[in-house]
């Protein structure tokens, strides 16, 4: 019985630690712009608000001075999007796990 309890406790500690290490803090530096911030989230999920209050959530696939390529769009299976970086007004990222 003690062995099972110890194993269960070790598993819970490992899982709790995994959630903490996956949460990322949003860090900005002087001189940052939307493009540089998005480059820091390459391969990760972000939500962007486009001028006009439309929002898209997806994985950052590529970023250039002109465009943002989002893949795996939320609520739109099998679709990607390419956005004009100059029209993005807000970048929203998850910094804390549930």
Protein backbone atom coordinates (compact mmCIF):
# COMPACT_ATOMS: atom_id res chain seq x y z
CA UNK A 1 0.00 0.00 0.00
CA UNK A 2 2.77 2.45 0.89
CA UNK A 3 4.48 1.78 -2.43
CA UNK A 4 1.30 2.69 -4.36
CA UNK A 5 0.85 5.86 -2.35
CA UNK A 6 4.45 6.89 -2.93
CA UNK A 7 4.15 6.21 -6.67
CA UNK A 8 0.95 8.26 -6.90
CA UNK A 9 2.52 11.16 -5.02
CA UNK A 10 5.60 11.13 -7.26
CA UNK A 11 3.39 11.15 -10.35
CA UNK A 12 1.42 14.15 -9.05
CA UNK A 13 4.63 16.07 -8.31
CA UNK A 14 5.95 15.38 -11.81
CA UNK A 15 2.71 16.48 -13.45
CA UNK A 16 2.50 19.66 -11.36
CA UNK A 17 6.08 20.50 -12.29
CA UNK A 18 5.37 19.95 -15.97
CA UNK A 19 2.55 22.49 -15.91
CA UNK A 20 4.67 25.11 -14.20
CA UNK A 21 7.53 24.74 -16.65
CA UNK A 22 5.18 25.03 -19.64
CA UNK A 23 3.78 28.40 -18.56
CA UNK A 24 5.73 31.21 -20.18
CA UNK A 25 6.05 34.81 -19.14
CA UNK A 26 5.58 37.48 -21.80
CA UNK A 27 8.78 39.51 -21.87
CA UNK A 28 9.17 42.68 -23.89
CA UNK A 29 12.33 44.69 -24.49
CA UNK A 30 12.95 48.24 -25.70
CA UNK A 31 12.75 48.30 -29.49
CA UNK A 32 10.35 45.35 -29.73
CA UNK A 33 7.56 45.44 -32.26
CA UNK A 34 4.75 43.07 -33.24
CA UNK A 35 7.03 41.14 -35.62
CA UNK A 36 9.75 40.55 -33.02
CA UNK A 37 7.25 39.44 -30.38
CA UNK A 38 5.60 37.00 -32.81
CA UNK A 39 9.03 35.61 -33.80
CA UNK A 40 9.51 34.72 -30.13
CA UNK A 41 6.37 32.58 -30.29
CA UNK A 42 7.32 30.56 -33.39
CA UNK A 43 5.62 27.16 -33.11
CA UNK A 44 3.38 28.29 -30.23
CA UNK A 45 -0.28 29.32 -30.03
CA UNK A 46 -1.19 32.99 -30.03
CA UNK A 47 -4.31 35.05 -30.56
CA UNK A 48 -4.00 38.15 -32.70
CA UNK A 49 -6.51 40.95 -32.97
CA UNK A 50 -6.70 42.53 -36.37
CA UNK A 51 -7.77 46.14 -36.79
CA UNK A 52 -11.54 45.97 -36.80
CA UNK A 53 -11.63 43.73 -33.68
CA UNK A 54 -11.51 40.37 -35.53
CA UNK A 55 -9.45 37.76 -33.66
CA UNK A 56 -7.65 34.66 -34.90
CA UNK A 57 -5.97 32.01 -32.76
CA UNK A 58 -3.42 29.59 -34.12
CA UNK A 59 0.17 28.39 -34.13
CA UNK A 60 2.79 30.80 -35.43
CA UNK A 61 4.28 29.10 -38.49
CA UNK A 62 6.29 31.99 -39.97
CA UNK A 63 6.76 35.72 -39.49
CA UNK A 64 8.29 38.29 -41.83
CA UNK A 65 8.20 42.08 -41.94
CA UNK A 66 5.08 41.82 -44.08
CA UNK A 67 3.13 38.70 -43.06
CA UNK A 68 2.21 36.32 -40.25
CA UNK A 69 1.40 32.70 -41.15
CA UNK A 70 -0.91 31.08 -38.56
CA UNK A 71 -1.57 27.34 -38.70
CA UNK A 72 -3.98 25.06 -36.85
CA UNK A 73 -6.59 27.80 -36.54
CA UNK A 74 -8.91 27.46 -33.55
CA UNK A 75 -12.42 26.48 -34.63
CA UNK A 76 -11.33 26.04 -38.26
CA UNK A 77 -9.89 22.59 -38.73
CA UNK A 78 -7.69 22.11 -41.79
CA UNK A 79 -7.21 25.86 -42.34
CA UNK A 80 -4.25 28.23 -42.13
CA UNK A 81 -4.21 32.01 -42.43
CA UNK A 82 -1.79 34.65 -43.66
CA UNK A 83 -2.18 38.09 -42.12
CA UNK A 84 -0.69 41.50 -42.82
CA UNK A 85 1.57 42.19 -39.81
CA UNK A 86 0.88 45.93 -40.10
CA UNK A 87 -2.84 45.32 -39.43
CA UNK A 88 -2.28 43.41 -36.17
CA UNK A 89 -3.12 45.64 -33.22
CA UNK A 90 -2.85 43.15 -30.32
CA UNK A 91 -1.01 39.88 -29.64
CA UNK A 92 -2.55 37.76 -26.87
CA UNK A 93 -0.58 34.85 -25.39
CA UNK A 94 -1.26 32.39 -22.58
CA UNK A 95 1.19 32.98 -19.74
CA UNK A 96 -0.39 30.84 -17.04
CA UNK A 97 -1.66 27.28 -17.08
CA UNK A 98 -5.10 26.48 -15.68
